[in-house]
Amino acid sequence: MDCLSDSPPVALDVARGVTRLFARASTFMICEVPLPNGRRADLMGLDSKGKLVIVEVKVARADLTTDAKWRDYLDYCDRFYWAVTPDLAAICDGEDYLPDLSGLIVADRYDAAIRREAAEDALAPARRKAETARFARRAARRLAAGLDPSLGDER
């Protein structure tokens, strides 16, 4: 599965920059992760302490300002970030974007910088166990599909 396959090229660039940023901190991301509630996280990562991170990528003002589904991701991660292009960063400082909880990353295709760190809202142990296992199985399945495309990516 391609990362953010139905997104414009700029979204792919932002996802690449964010992935590089988190990899330097030993947090490894996968793209387009379906969640049990029917939503799909743009990027989801697992850090070296077993904490789950979700990053919502936005590259268009209209998409950012009309997104009403992002709060549905909060039940599946310990930290949540917005990843945006530099021209959208100021919008994410507004109260509608929960700046006391959500982090903010400004990114391009080469790199990214955390402008505001996300607050940690720890998952319940049972939820963490279930989501970590789901994350690991999805990542493993995607790697296996690289060897045998018939394995595909489960939805």
Protein backbone atom coordinates (compact mmCIF):
# COMPACT_ATOMS: atom_id res chain seq x y z
CA MET A 1 0.00 0.00 0.00
CA ASP A 2 1.33 3.43 -0.87
CA CYS A 3 1.59 5.98 1.88
CA LEU A 4 -1.35 8.39 1.64
CA SER A 5 -2.09 6.94 -1.79
CA ASP A 6 -5.09 9.14 -2.55
CA SER A 7 -3.44 12.36 -1.36
CA PRO A 8 -1.86 15.19 -3.34
CA PRO A 9 1.94 15.15 -3.79
CA VAL A 10 2.41 17.81 -1.08
CA ALA A 11 0.79 15.46 1.48
CA LEU A 12 3.31 12.78 0.55
CA ASP A 13 6.08 15.32 1.06
CA VAL A 14 4.79 16.25 4.52
CA ALA A 15 4.43 12.57 5.46
CA ARG A 16 8.02 11.94 4.35
CA GLY A 17 9.36 14.83 6.42
CA VAL A 18 7.38 13.72 9.49
CA THR A 19 8.56 10.12 9.10
CA ARG A 20 12.18 11.29 9.01
CA LEU A 21 11.69 13.45 12.11
CA PHE A 22 10.18 10.63 14.14
CA ALA A 23 12.69 8.02 12.91
CA ARG A 24 15.52 10.10 14.40
CA ALA A 25 13.72 9.75 17.75
CA SER A 26 13.25 5.97 17.29
CA THR A 27 9.54 6.30 16.57
CA PHE A 28 8.68 4.40 13.42
CA MET A 29 5.59 5.25 11.41
CA ILE A 30 3.31 3.47 9.00
CA CYS A 31 0.84 5.21 6.73
CA GLU A 32 -2.90 4.91 6.34
CA VAL A 33 -3.72 2.88 9.43
CA PRO A 34 -7.37 1.82 9.76
CA LEU A 35 -8.68 2.18 13.30
CA PRO A 36 -11.35 0.02 14.95
CA ASN A 37 -13.82 2.92 14.89
CA GLY A 38 -13.78 3.04 11.08
CA ARG A 39 -11.44 6.04 10.80
CA ARG A 40 -8.04 5.92 9.16
CA ALA A 41 -4.97 7.61 10.65
CA ASP A 42 -2.67 9.24 8.10
CA LEU A 43 0.41 8.20 10.09
CA MET A 44 0.70 6.03 13.17
CA GLY A 45 3.91 5.28 15.00
CA LEU A 46 5.29 3.29 17.87
CA ASP A 47 8.08 4.78 19.98
CA SER A 48 10.84 3.01 21.90
CA LYS A 49 8.74 3.06 25.10
CA GLY A 50 5.74 1.40 23.45
CA LYS A 51 3.71 4.62 23.16
CA LEU A 52 1.48 5.13 20.13
CA VAL A 53 1.51 8.35 18.14
CA ILE A 54 -0.99 9.47 15.49
CA VAL A 55 -0.22 12.26 13.04
CA GLU A 56 -2.93 13.89 10.93
CA VAL A 57 -1.48 15.40 7.75
CA LYS A 58 -3.13 18.52 6.34
CA VAL A 59 -1.89 20.48 3.34
CA ALA A 60 -4.99 22.45 2.30
CA ARG A 61 -6.66 25.17 4.36
CA ALA A 62 -10.17 23.95 3.51
CA ASP A 63 -9.34 20.37 4.52
CA LEU A 64 -7.86 21.53 7.82
CA THR A 65 -10.64 23.91 8.78
CA THR A 66 -13.50 21.54 7.92
CA ASP A 67 -12.08 18.33 9.43
CA ALA A 68 -14.50 17.17 12.12
CA LYS A 69 -13.26 13.58 12.44
CA TRP A 70 -9.82 14.06 13.97
CA ARG A 71 -11.03 13.85 17.58
CA ASP A 72 -12.02 10.25 16.82
CA TYR A 73 -8.28 9.41 16.68
CA LEU A 74 -7.58 10.46 20.26
CA ASP A 75 -8.86 7.17 21.72
CA TYR A 76 -6.16 5.23 19.83
CA CYS A 77 -2.96 7.06 20.70
CA ASP A 78 -0.92 8.42 23.57
CA ARG A 79 0.04 11.53 21.61
CA PHE A 80 -1.63 13.28 18.68
CA TYR A 81 -0.01 15.71 16.24
CA TRP A 82 -1.06 17.86 13.35
CA ALA A 83 1.47 17.90 10.51
CA VAL A 84 1.06 20.87 8.20
CA THR A 85 2.86 23.02 5.70
CA PRO A 86 4.33 26.27 7.07
CA ASP A 87 1.45 28.38 5.74
CA LEU A 88 -1.14 26.41 7.79
CA ALA A 89 0.67 26.32 11.13
CA ALA A 90 -0.99 29.40 12.63
CA ILE A 91 -4.46 27.89 12.17
CA CYS A 92 -3.55 24.97 14.46
CA ASP A 93 -2.92 27.36 17.36
CA GLY A 94 -6.67 28.00 17.60
CA GLU A 95 -8.71 26.52 20.44
CA ASP A 96 -10.62 24.25 18.02
CA TYR A 97 -7.38 22.28 17.56
CA LEU A 98 -6.88 21.61 21.29
CA PRO A 99 -3.40 23.16 21.53
CA ASP A 100 -3.09 21.99 25.16
CA LEU A 101 -3.37 18.39 23.96
CA SER A 102 -2.38 18.17 20.30
CA GLY A 103 1.11 18.73 19.02
CA LEU A 104 2.05 20.65 15.90
CA ILE A 105 4.64 19.69 13.30
CA VAL A 106 5.64 21.85 10.37
CA ALA A 107 7.05 19.76 7.53
CA ASP A 108 8.19 19.55 3.95
CA ARG A 109 9.58 16.67 1.90
CA TYR A 110 13.04 16.88 3.43
CA ASP A 111 12.38 17.24 7.12
CA ALA A 112 10.05 18.44 9.83
CA ALA A 113 10.18 20.33 13.10
CA ILE A 114 7.99 20.06 16.16
CA ARG A 115 6.57 23.49 16.80
CA ARG A 116 4.45 22.35 19.74
CA GLU A 117 4.96 19.10 21.62
CA ALA A 118 1.87 16.94 22.12
CA ALA A 119 0.69 16.30 25.65
CA GLU A 120 0.62 12.66 26.61
CA ASP A 121 -2.81 11.21 27.28
CA ALA A 122 -1.93 7.64 28.17
CA LEU A 123 -4.01 4.82 26.76
CA ALA A 124 -5.55 2.31 29.14
CA PRO A 125 -3.34 -0.81 29.36
CA ALA A 126 -5.86 -3.08 27.61
CA ARG A 127 -6.32 -0.60 24.75
CA ARG A 128 -2.53 -0.15 24.42
CA LYS A 129 -2.01 -3.90 24.22
CA ALA A 130 -4.70 -4.32 21.56
CA GLU A 131 -3.56 -1.35 19.47
CA THR A 132 0.13 -2.27 19.70
CA ALA A 133 -0.64 -5.80 18.50
CA ARG A 134 -2.79 -4.41 15.67
CA PHE A 135 0.01 -2.00 14.69
CA ALA A 136 2.66 -4.75 14.73
CA ARG A 137 0.55 -7.17 12.68
CA ARG A 138 -0.25 -4.48 10.10
CA ALA A 139 3.42 -3.51 9.77
CA ALA A 140 4.46 -7.17 9.45
CA ARG A 141 1.76 -7.85 6.86
CA ARG A 142 2.93 -4.89 4.79
CA LEU A 143 6.50 -6.16 4.90
CA ALA A 144 5.36 -9.66 3.91
CA ALA A 145 3.34 -8.18 1.03
CA GLY A 146 6.59 -6.73 -0.28
CA LEU A 147 7.77 -10.31 -0.79
CA ASP A 148 4.42 -11.70 -1.89
CA PRO A 149 1.91 -9.09 -3.15
CA SER A 150 -0.91 -11.62 -2.91
CA LEU A 151 -0.81 -11.18 0.86
CA GLY A 152 -1.97 -7.58 0.42
CA ASP A 153 -2.90 -5.19 3.18
CA GLU A 154 -5.93 -6.14 5.22
CA ARG A 155 -8.57 -3.42 5.56
